[in-house]
Amino acid sequence: MTPTLNPDTEFEQLFQIVQRAQKDTEGGQPVDLSDLAGRTDRLCTHISSLPREESRPLAGRLKKLVGDLDDLAEQLSRLSAAVQREPAKGQSSSAGSVG
């Protein structure tokens, strides 16, 4: 028997994962998102299986989660772009130029 998912608990844990990832990104630390997709999928599947009158009150938190995930994606994109602009370690910016 599959245990019943508690949306309140699931939302709280997802918000914590995203907040931790945002802080880690800001601090230049590795980001662990390994659990994010599975948890998000389980929550969305659960919400979509609920009757409308039960799922409707969850819409605000779902919208906030989507916004937080969008913010994290933007943050990771900026970090990735910054890393790609940096020269590889051990290479000087004049590598390959003819003097």
PDB file of N, CA and C in Angstrom:
ATOM      1  N   MET A   1       0.832  -1.172   0.000  1.00  0.00           N
ATOM      2  CA  MET A   1       0.000   0.000   0.000  1.00  0.00           C
ATOM      3  C   MET A   1       0.886   1.247   0.000  1.00  0.00           C
ATOM      4  N   THR A   2       0.616   2.197  -0.887  1.00  0.00           N
ATOM      5  CA  THR A   2       1.384   3.432  -0.981  1.00  0.00           C
ATOM      6  C   THR A   2       0.948   4.393   0.119  1.00  0.00           C
ATOM      7  N   PRO A   3       1.922   4.958   0.856  1.00  0.00           N
ATOM      8  CA  PRO A   3       1.536   5.904   1.896  1.00  0.00           C
ATOM      9  C   PRO A   3       0.908   7.160   1.277  1.00  0.00           C
ATOM     10  N   THR A   4      -0.029   7.742   2.014  1.00  0.00           N
ATOM     11  CA  THR A   4      -0.695   8.950   1.543  1.00  0.00           C
ATOM     12  C   THR A   4       0.265  10.122   1.599  1.00  0.00           C
ATOM     13  N   LEU A   5       0.283  10.897   0.549  1.00  0.00           N
ATOM     14  CA  LEU A   5       1.148  12.067   0.479  1.00  0.00           C
ATOM     15  C   LEU A   5       0.460  13.224   1.190  1.00  0.00           C
ATOM     16  N   ASN A   6       1.204  13.919   2.024  1.00  0.00           N
ATOM     17  CA  ASN A   6       0.688  15.094   2.711  1.00  0.00           C
ATOM     18  C   ASN A   6       1.174  16.328   1.960  1.00  0.00           C
ATOM     19  N   PRO A   7       0.288  17.026   1.249  1.00  0.00           N
ATOM     20  CA  PRO A   7       0.723  18.175   0.457  1.00  0.00           C
ATOM     21  C   PRO A   7       1.424  19.250   1.282  1.00  0.00           C
ATOM     22  N   ASP A   8       0.963  19.483   2.511  1.00  0.00           N
ATOM     23  CA  ASP A   8       1.605  20.506   3.347  1.00  0.00           C
ATOM     24  C   ASP A   8       3.069  20.165   3.601  1.00  0.00           C
ATOM     25  N   THR A   9       3.330  18.933   3.963  1.00  0.00           N
ATOM     26  CA  THR A   9       4.697  18.475   4.220  1.00  0.00           C
ATOM     27  C   THR A   9       5.528  18.524   2.949  1.00  0.00           C
ATOM     28  N   GLU A  10       4.942  18.070   1.860  1.00  0.00           N
ATOM     29  CA  GLU A  10       5.657  18.027   0.573  1.00  0.00           C
ATOM     30  C   GLU A  10       6.017  19.429   0.099  1.00  0.00           C
ATOM     31  N   PHE A  11       5.074  20.356   0.194  1.00  0.00           N
ATOM     32  CA  PHE A  11       5.369  21.739  -0.184  1.00  0.00           C
ATOM     33  C   PHE A  11       6.508  22.292   0.669  1.00  0.00           C
ATOM     34  N   GLU A  12       6.430  22.083   1.979  1.00  0.00           N
ATOM     35  CA  GLU A  12       7.461  22.604   2.878  1.00  0.00           C
ATOM     36  C   GLU A  12       8.836  22.042   2.515  1.00  0.00           C
ATOM     37  N   GLN A  13       8.902  20.753   2.245  1.00  0.00           N
ATOM     38  CA  GLN A  13      10.186  20.141   1.898  1.00  0.00           C
ATOM     39  C   GLN A  13      10.702  20.656   0.546  1.00  0.00           C
ATOM     40  N   LEU A  14       9.807  20.858  -0.405  1.00  0.00           N
ATOM     41  CA  LEU A  14      10.220  21.395  -1.700  1.00  0.00           C
ATOM     42  C   LEU A  14      10.715  22.831  -1.562  1.00  0.00           C
ATOM     43  N   PHE A  15      10.018  23.641  -0.777  1.00  0.00           N
ATOM     44  CA  PHE A  15      10.473  25.015  -0.548  1.00  0.00           C
ATOM     45  C   PHE A  15      11.854  25.020   0.100  1.00  0.00           C
ATOM     46  N   GLN A  16      12.095  24.092   1.022  1.00  0.00           N
ATOM     47  CA  GLN A  16      13.410  24.009   1.675  1.00  0.00           C
ATOM     48  C   GLN A  16      14.500  23.626   0.677  1.00  0.00           C
ATOM     49  N   ILE A  17      14.216  22.672  -0.197  1.00  0.00           N
ATOM     50  CA  ILE A  17      15.191  22.258  -1.214  1.00  0.00           C
ATOM     51  C   ILE A  17      15.553  23.450  -2.101  1.00  0.00           C
ATOM     52  N   VAL A  18      14.539  24.193  -2.545  1.00  0.00           N
ATOM     53  CA  VAL A  18      14.778  25.331  -3.437  1.00  0.00           C
ATOM     54  C   VAL A  18      15.539  26.428  -2.703  1.00  0.00           C
ATOM     55  N   GLN A  19      15.149  26.732  -1.472  1.00  0.00           N
ATOM     56  CA  GLN A  19      15.846  27.773  -0.704  1.00  0.00           C
ATOM     57  C   GLN A  19      17.303  27.400  -0.461  1.00  0.00           C
ATOM     58  N   ARG A  20      17.550  26.142  -0.134  1.00  0.00           N
ATOM     59  CA  ARG A  20      18.927  25.681   0.076  1.00  0.00           C
ATOM     60  C   ARG A  20      19.731  25.819  -1.217  1.00  0.00           C
ATOM     61  N   ALA A  21      19.126  25.447  -2.327  1.00  0.00           N
ATOM     62  CA  ALA A  21      19.814  25.548  -3.619  1.00  0.00           C
ATOM     63  C   ALA A  21      20.111  27.009  -3.961  1.00  0.00           C
ATOM     64  N   GLN A  22      19.191  27.915  -3.656  1.00  0.00           N
ATOM     65  CA  GLN A  22      19.425  29.339  -3.921  1.00  0.00           C
ATOM     66  C   GLN A  22      20.589  29.856  -3.081  1.00  0.00           C
ATOM     67  N   LYS A  23      20.634  29.478  -1.815  1.00  0.00           N
ATOM     68  CA  LYS A  23      21.729  29.910  -0.935  1.00  0.00           C
ATOM     69  C   LYS A  23      23.055  29.321  -1.393  1.00  0.00           C
ATOM     70  N   ASP A  24      23.037  28.042  -1.754  1.00  0.00           N
ATOM     71  CA  ASP A  24      24.270  27.398  -2.220  1.00  0.00           C
ATOM     72  C   ASP A  24      24.770  28.064  -3.502  1.00  0.00           C
ATOM     73  N   THR A  25      23.853  28.385  -4.407  1.00  0.00           N
ATOM     74  CA  THR A  25      24.225  29.043  -5.656  1.00  0.00           C
ATOM     75  C   THR A  25      24.839  30.409  -5.377  1.00  0.00           C
ATOM     76  N   GLU A  26      24.202  31.175  -4.489  1.00  0.00           N
ATOM     77  CA  GLU A  26      24.724  32.500  -4.131  1.00  0.00           C
ATOM     78  C   GLU A  26      26.117  32.399  -3.522  1.00  0.00           C
ATOM     79  N   GLY A  27      26.351  31.331  -2.767  1.00  0.00           N
ATOM     80  CA  GLY A  27      27.644  31.150  -2.115  1.00  0.00           C
ATOM     81  C   GLY A  27      28.670  30.420  -2.968  1.00  0.00           C
ATOM     82  N   GLY A  28      28.319  30.105  -4.203  1.00  0.00           N
ATOM     83  CA  GLY A  28      29.246  29.412  -5.088  1.00  0.00           C
ATOM     84  C   GLY A  28      29.467  27.955  -4.722  1.00  0.00           C
ATOM     85  N   GLN A  29      28.540  27.387  -3.969  1.00  0.00           N
ATOM     86  CA  GLN A  29      28.647  25.991  -3.542  1.00  0.00           C
ATOM     87  C   GLN A  29      27.924  25.069  -4.524  1.00  0.00           C
ATOM     88  N   PRO A  30      28.306  23.798  -4.550  1.00  0.00           N
ATOM     89  CA  PRO A  30      27.584  22.839  -5.395  1.00  0.00           C
ATOM     90  C   PRO A  30      26.113  22.765  -4.972  1.00  0.00           C
ATOM     91  N   VAL A  31      25.245  22.549  -5.918  1.00  0.00           N
ATOM     92  CA  VAL A  31      23.811  22.509  -5.668  1.00  0.00           C
ATOM     93  C   VAL A  31      23.311  21.090  -5.871  1.00  0.00           C
ATOM     94  N   ASP A  32      22.557  20.590  -4.889  1.00  0.00           N
ATOM     95  CA  ASP A  32      21.996  19.245  -4.973  1.00  0.00           C
ATOM     96  C   ASP A  32      20.500  19.333  -5.261  1.00  0.00           C
ATOM     97  N   LEU A  33      20.133  19.000  -6.483  1.00  0.00           N
ATOM     98  CA  LEU A  33      18.727  19.005  -6.876  1.00  0.00           C
ATOM     99  C   LEU A  33      18.245  17.594  -7.215  1.00  0.00           C
ATOM    100  N   SER A  34      18.970  16.600  -6.733  1.00  0.00           N
ATOM    101  CA  SER A  34      18.684  15.212  -7.107  1.00  0.00           C
ATOM    102  C   SER A  34      17.282  14.758  -6.713  1.00  0.00           C
ATOM    103  N   ASP A  35      16.734  15.313  -5.663  1.00  0.00           N
ATOM    104  CA  ASP A  35      15.425  14.882  -5.176  1.00  0.00           C
ATOM    105  C   ASP A  35      14.286  15.744  -5.714  1.00  0.00           C
ATOM    106  N   LEU A  36      14.623  16.832  -6.358  1.00  0.00           N
ATOM    107  CA  LEU A  36      13.619  17.830  -6.739  1.00  0.00           C
ATOM    108  C   LEU A  36      12.603  17.310  -7.747  1.00  0.00           C
ATOM    109  N   ALA A  37      13.051  16.731  -8.828  1.00  0.00           N
ATOM    110  CA  ALA A  37      12.134  16.291  -9.888  1.00  0.00           C
ATOM    111  C   ALA A  37      11.155  15.232  -9.397  1.00  0.00           C
ATOM    112  N   GLY A  38      11.645  14.245  -8.676  1.00  0.00           N
ATOM    113  CA  GLY A  38      10.773  13.182  -8.183  1.00  0.00           C
ATOM    114  C   GLY A  38       9.728  13.689  -7.203  1.00  0.00           C
ATOM    115  N   ARG A  39      10.165  14.539  -6.289  1.00  0.00           N
ATOM    116  CA  ARG A  39       9.231  15.091  -5.294  1.00  0.00           C
ATOM    117  C   ARG A  39       8.183  15.978  -5.959  1.00  0.00           C
ATOM    118  N   THR A  40       8.625  16.804  -6.905  1.00  0.00           N
ATOM    119  CA  THR A  40       7.703  17.688  -7.609  1.00  0.00           C
ATOM    120  C   THR A  40       6.696  16.872  -8.405  1.00  0.00           C
ATOM    121  N   ASP A  41       7.174  15.838  -9.066  1.00  0.00           N
ATOM    122  CA  ASP A  41       6.288  14.976  -9.847  1.00  0.00           C
ATOM    123  C   ASP A  41       5.250  14.299  -8.952  1.00  0.00           C
ATOM    124  N   ARG A  42       5.695  13.771  -7.811  1.00  0.00           N
ATOM    125  CA  ARG A  42       4.754  13.114  -6.878  1.00  0.00           C
ATOM    126  C   ARG A  42       3.699  14.102  -6.390  1.00  0.00           C
ATOM    127  N   LEU A  43       4.120  15.314  -6.044  1.00  0.00           N
ATOM    128  CA  LEU A  43       3.178  16.311  -5.542  1.00  0.00           C
ATOM    129  C   LEU A  43       2.170  16.688  -6.621  1.00  0.00           C
ATOM    130  N   CYS A  44       2.649  16.954  -7.827  1.00  0.00           N
ATOM    131  CA  CYS A  44       1.740  17.341  -8.911  1.00  0.00           C
ATOM    132  C   CYS A  44       0.778  16.214  -9.272  1.00  0.00           C
ATOM    133  N   THR A  45       1.274  14.993  -9.284  1.00  0.00           N
ATOM    134  CA  THR A  45       0.413  13.841  -9.564  1.00  0.00           C
ATOM    135  C   THR A  45      -0.668  13.722  -8.496  1.00  0.00           C
ATOM    136  N   HIS A  46      -0.257  13.900  -7.245  1.00  0.00           N
ATOM    137  CA  HIS A  46      -1.212  13.823  -6.136  1.00  0.00           C
ATOM    138  C   HIS A  46      -2.266  14.925  -6.253  1.00  0.00           C
ATOM    139  N   ILE A  47      -1.822  16.159  -6.494  1.00  0.00           N
ATOM    140  CA  ILE A  47      -2.759  17.283  -6.591  1.00  0.00           C
ATOM    141  C   ILE A  47      -3.735  17.076  -7.748  1.00  0.00           C
ATOM    142  N   SER A  48      -3.234  16.585  -8.874  1.00  0.00           N
ATOM    143  CA  SER A  48      -4.117  16.389 -10.029  1.00  0.00           C
ATOM    144  C   SER A  48      -5.129  15.272  -9.798  1.00  0.00           C
ATOM    145  N   SER A  49      -4.865  14.388  -8.834  1.00  0.00           N
ATOM    146  CA  SER A  49      -5.810  13.302  -8.547  1.00  0.00           C
ATOM    147  C   SER A  49      -6.875  13.705  -7.528  1.00  0.00           C
ATOM    148  N   LEU A  50      -6.699  14.864  -6.909  1.00  0.00           N
ATOM    149  CA  LEU A  50      -7.656  15.319  -5.901  1.00  0.00           C
ATOM    150  C   LEU A  50      -8.906  15.902  -6.552  1.00  0.00           C
ATOM    151  N   PRO A  51     -10.026  15.834  -5.849  1.00  0.00           N
ATOM    152  CA  PRO A  51     -11.212  16.546  -6.339  1.00  0.00           C
ATOM    153  C   PRO A  51     -10.932  18.051  -6.376  1.00  0.00           C
ATOM    154  N   ARG A  52     -11.587  18.736  -7.268  1.00  0.00           N
ATOM    155  CA  ARG A  52     -11.348  20.159  -7.483  1.00  0.00           C
ATOM    156  C   ARG A  52     -11.420  20.973  -6.188  1.00  0.00           C
ATOM    157  N   GLU A  53     -12.390  20.686  -5.345  1.00  0.00           N
ATOM    158  CA  GLU A  53     -12.551  21.458  -4.109  1.00  0.00           C
ATOM    159  C   GLU A  53     -11.394  21.247  -3.125  1.00  0.00           C
ATOM    160  N   GLU A  54     -10.666  20.149  -3.277  1.00  0.00           N
ATOM    161  CA  GLU A  54      -9.492  19.906  -2.430  1.00  0.00           C
ATOM    162  C   GLU A  54      -8.210  20.449  -3.062  1.00  0.00           C
ATOM    163  N   SER A  55      -8.141  20.441  -4.372  1.00  0.00           N
ATOM    164  CA  SER A  55      -6.921  20.894  -5.038  1.00  0.00           C
ATOM    165  C   SER A  55      -6.862  22.415  -5.186  1.00  0.00           C
ATOM    166  N   ARG A  56      -8.013  23.043  -5.322  1.00  0.00           N
ATOM    167  CA  ARG A  56      -8.056  24.492  -5.534  1.00  0.00           C
ATOM    168  C   ARG A  56      -7.318  25.283  -4.453  1.00  0.00           C
ATOM    169  N   PRO A  57      -7.461  24.967  -3.168  1.00  0.00           N
ATOM    170  CA  PRO A  57      -6.741  25.723  -2.136  1.00  0.00           C
ATOM    171  C   PRO A  57      -5.209  25.583  -2.223  1.00  0.00           C
ATOM    172  N   LEU A  58      -4.718  24.598  -2.953  1.00  0.00           N
ATOM    173  CA  LEU A  58      -3.278  24.385  -3.085  1.00  0.00           C
ATOM    174  C   LEU A  58      -2.667  25.210  -4.218  1.00  0.00           C
ATOM    175  N   ALA A  59      -3.499  25.855  -5.007  1.00  0.00           N
ATOM    176  CA  ALA A  59      -3.027  26.581  -6.190  1.00  0.00           C
ATOM    177  C   ALA A  59      -2.050  27.692  -5.841  1.00  0.00           C
ATOM    178  N   GLY A  60      -2.287  28.415  -4.761  1.00  0.00           N
ATOM    179  CA  GLY A  60      -1.403  29.511  -4.376  1.00  0.00           C
ATOM    180  C   GLY A  60       0.005  29.034  -4.056  1.00  0.00           C
ATOM    181  N   ARG A  61       0.093  27.936  -3.307  1.00  0.00           N
ATOM    182  CA  ARG A  61       1.422  27.398  -2.972  1.00  0.00           C
ATOM    183  C   ARG A  61       2.105  26.815  -4.195  1.00  0.00           C
ATOM    184  N   LEU A  62       1.322  26.213  -5.071  1.00  0.00           N
ATOM    185  CA  LEU A  62       1.891  25.667  -6.305  1.00  0.00           C
ATOM    186  C   LEU A  62       2.444  26.800  -7.171  1.00  0.00           C
ATOM    187  N   LYS A  63       1.711  27.903  -7.244  1.00  0.00           N
ATOM    188  CA  LYS A  63       2.167  29.064  -8.011  1.00  0.00           C
ATOM    189  C   LYS A  63       3.455  29.633  -7.404  1.00  0.00           C
ATOM    190  N   LYS A  64       3.521  29.707  -6.075  1.00  0.00           N
ATOM    191  CA  LYS A  64       4.734  30.196  -5.408  1.00  0.00           C
ATOM    192  C   LYS A  64       5.911  29.271  -5.698  1.00  0.00           C
ATOM    193  N   LEU A  65       5.670  27.956  -5.655  1.00  0.00           N
ATOM    194  CA  LEU A  65       6.734  26.994  -5.944  1.00  0.00           C
ATOM    195  C   LEU A  65       7.251  27.177  -7.368  1.00  0.00           C
ATOM    196  N   VAL A  66       6.348  27.351  -8.314  1.00  0.00           N
ATOM    197  CA  VAL A  66       6.756  27.560  -9.711  1.00  0.00           C
ATOM    198  C   VAL A  66       7.594  28.839  -9.817  1.00  0.00           C
ATOM    199  N   GLY A  67       7.169  29.896  -9.137  1.00  0.00           N
ATOM    200  CA  GLY A  67       7.937  31.148  -9.154  1.00  0.00           C
ATOM    201  C   GLY A  67       9.315  30.978  -8.555  1.00  0.00           C
ATOM    202  N   ASP A  68       9.392  30.261  -7.427  1.00  0.00           N
ATOM    203  CA  ASP A  68      10.694  30.008  -6.790  1.00  0.00           C
ATOM    204  C   ASP A  68      11.596  29.173  -7.694  1.00  0.00           C
ATOM    205  N   LEU A  69      11.010  28.193  -8.367  1.00  0.00           N
ATOM    206  CA  LEU A  69      11.790  27.362  -9.295  1.00  0.00           C
ATOM    207  C   LEU A  69      12.267  28.182 -10.488  1.00  0.00           C
ATOM    208  N   ASP A  70      11.422  29.080 -10.979  1.00  0.00           N
ATOM    209  CA  ASP A  70      11.832  29.970 -12.076  1.00  0.00           C
ATOM    210  C   ASP A  70      12.997  30.856 -11.640  1.00  0.00           C
ATOM    211  N   ASP A  71      12.905  31.391 -10.410  1.00  0.00           N
ATOM    212  CA  ASP A  71      13.988  32.229  -9.883  1.00  0.00           C
ATOM    213  C   ASP A  71      15.285  31.434  -9.774  1.00  0.00           C
ATOM    214  N   LEU A  72      15.191  30.196  -9.290  1.00  0.00           N
ATOM    215  CA  LEU A  72      16.374  29.340  -9.161  1.00  0.00           C
ATOM    216  C   LEU A  72      16.957  29.040 -10.542  1.00  0.00           C
ATOM    217  N   ALA A  73      16.106  28.760 -11.508  1.00  0.00           N
ATOM    218  CA  ALA A  73      16.582  28.476 -12.867  1.00  0.00           C
ATOM    219  C   ALA A  73      17.332  29.681 -13.435  1.00  0.00           C
ATOM    220  N   GLU A  74      16.802  30.872 -13.193  1.00  0.00           N
ATOM    221  CA  GLU A  74      17.469  32.089 -13.665  1.00  0.00           C
ATOM    222  C   GLU A  74      18.826  32.252 -12.975  1.00  0.00           C
ATOM    223  N   GLN A  75      18.850  32.001 -11.694  1.00  0.00           N
ATOM    224  CA  GLN A  75      20.087  32.116 -10.912  1.00  0.00           C
ATOM    225  C   GLN A  75      21.137  31.134 -11.439  1.00  0.00           C
ATOM    226  N   LEU A  76      20.723  29.897 -11.688  1.00  0.00           N
ATOM    227  CA  LEU A  76      21.641  28.883 -12.206  1.00  0.00           C
ATOM    228  C   LEU A  76      22.109  29.230 -13.619  1.00  0.00           C
ATOM    229  N   SER A  77      21.227  29.805 -14.408  1.00  0.00           N
ATOM    230  CA  SER A  77      21.589  30.229 -15.761  1.00  0.00           C
ATOM    231  C   SER A  77      22.661  31.313 -15.730  1.00  0.00           C
ATOM    232  N   ARG A  78      22.467  32.299 -14.857  1.00  0.00           N
ATOM    233  CA  ARG A  78      23.469  33.372 -14.736  1.00  0.00           C
ATOM    234  C   ARG A  78      24.802  32.809 -14.268  1.00  0.00           C
ATOM    235  N   LEU A  79      24.766  31.885 -13.317  1.00  0.00           N
ATOM    236  CA  LEU A  79      25.996  31.277 -12.810  1.00  0.00           C
ATOM    237  C   LEU A  79      26.692  30.493 -13.921  1.00  0.00           C
ATOM    238  N   SER A  80      25.928  29.744 -14.673  1.00  0.00           N
ATOM    239  CA  SER A  80      26.494  28.963 -15.774  1.00  0.00           C
ATOM    240  C   SER A  80      27.131  29.877 -16.814  1.00  0.00           C
ATOM    241  N   ALA A  81      26.452  30.963 -17.149  1.00  0.00           N
ATOM    242  CA  ALA A  81      27.001  31.906 -18.129  1.00  0.00           C
ATOM    243  C   ALA A  81      28.289  32.529 -17.611  1.00  0.00           C
ATOM    244  N   ALA A  82      28.329  32.864 -16.325  1.00  0.00           N
ATOM    245  CA  ALA A  82      29.533  33.462 -15.741  1.00  0.00           C
ATOM    246  C   ALA A  82      30.693  32.472 -15.770  1.00  0.00           C
ATOM    247  N   VAL A  83      30.419  31.227 -15.464  1.00  0.00           N
ATOM    248  CA  VAL A  83      31.460  30.199 -15.469  1.00  0.00           C
ATOM    249  C   VAL A  83      31.978  29.989 -16.883  1.00  0.00           C
ATOM    250  N   GLN A  84      31.106  30.004 -17.868  1.00  0.00           N
ATOM    251  CA  GLN A  84      31.527  29.801 -19.255  1.00  0.00           C
ATOM    252  C   GLN A  84      32.366  30.963 -19.769  1.00  0.00           C
ATOM    253  N   ARG A  85      32.165  32.160 -19.231  1.00  0.00           N
ATOM    254  CA  ARG A  85      32.952  33.321 -19.660  1.00  0.00           C
ATOM    255  C   ARG A  85      34.348  33.320 -19.060  1.00  0.00           C
ATOM    256  N   GLU A  86      34.533  32.643 -17.930  1.00  0.00           N
ATOM    257  CA  GLU A  86      35.847  32.615 -17.283  1.00  0.00           C
ATOM    258  C   GLU A  86      36.786  31.725 -18.083  1.00  0.00           C
ATOM    259  N   PRO A  87      38.054  32.156 -18.241  1.00  0.00           N
ATOM    260  CA  PRO A  87      39.014  31.274 -18.915  1.00  0.00           C
ATOM    261  C   PRO A  87      39.272  30.038 -18.048  1.00  0.00           C
ATOM    262  N   ALA A  88      39.540  28.939 -18.705  1.00  0.00           N
ATOM    263  CA  ALA A  88      39.827  27.699 -17.974  1.00  0.00           C
ATOM    264  C   ALA A  88      41.065  27.912 -17.113  1.00  0.00           C
ATOM    265  N   LYS A  89      41.084  27.277 -15.945  1.00  0.00           N
ATOM    266  CA  LYS A  89      42.224  27.398 -15.065  1.00  0.00           C
ATOM    267  C   LYS A  89      43.482  26.930 -15.777  1.00  0.00           C
ATOM    268  N   GLY A  90      44.536  27.668 -15.593  1.00  0.00           N
ATOM    269  CA  GLY A  90      45.806  27.290 -16.208  1.00  0.00           C
ATOM    270  C   GLY A  90      45.995  27.922 -17.579  1.00  0.00           C
ATOM    271  N   GLN A  91      44.960  28.543 -18.103  1.00  0.00           N
ATOM    272  CA  GLN A  91      45.079  29.224 -19.402  1.00  0.00           C
ATOM    273  C   GLN A  91      45.124  30.727 -19.153  1.00  0.00           C
ATOM    274  N   SER A  92      45.987  31.384 -19.857  1.00  0.00           N
ATOM    275  CA  SER A  92      46.005  32.840 -19.752  1.00  0.00           C
ATOM    276  C   SER A  92      45.087  33.395 -20.819  1.00  0.00           C
ATOM    277  N   SER A  93      44.671  34.632 -20.643  1.00  0.00           N
ATOM    278  CA  SER A  93      43.766  35.230 -21.625  1.00  0.00           C
ATOM    279  C   SER A  93      44.468  35.465 -22.954  1.00  0.00           C
ATOM    280  N   SER A  94      45.796  35.388 -22.969  1.00  0.00           N
ATOM    281  CA  SER A  94      46.512  35.597 -24.227  1.00  0.00           C
ATOM    282  C   SER A  94      46.891  34.289 -24.888  1.00  0.00           C
ATOM    283  N   ALA A  95      46.394  33.162 -24.378  1.00  0.00           N
ATOM    284  CA  ALA A  95      46.713  31.865 -24.952  1.00  0.00           C
ATOM    285  C   ALA A  95      46.299  31.840 -26.421  1.00  0.00           C
ATOM    286  N   GLY A  96      47.180  31.376 -27.232  1.00  0.00           N
ATOM    287  CA  GLY A  96      46.896  31.234 -28.652  1.00  0.00           C
ATOM    288  C   GLY A  96      47.171  32.481 -29.463  1.00  0.00           C
ATOM    289  N   SER A  97      47.554  33.582 -28.820  1.00  0.00           N
ATOM    290  CA  SER A  97      47.844  34.785 -29.602  1.00  0.00           C
ATOM    291  C   SER A  97      49.287  34.755 -30.080  1.00  0.00           C
ATOM    292  N   VAL A  98      49.488  35.332 -31.192  1.00  0.00           N
ATOM    293  CA  VAL A  98      50.837  35.363 -31.780  1.00  0.00           C
ATOM    294  C   VAL A  98      51.461  36.706 -31.434  1.00  0.00           C
ATOM    295  N   GLY A  99      52.688  36.672 -30.907  1.00  0.00           N
ATOM    296  CA  GLY A  99      53.309  37.891 -30.431  1.00  0.00           C
ATOM    297  C   GLY A  99      54.312  38.392 -31.311  1.00  0.00           C
TER     298      GLY A  99
END
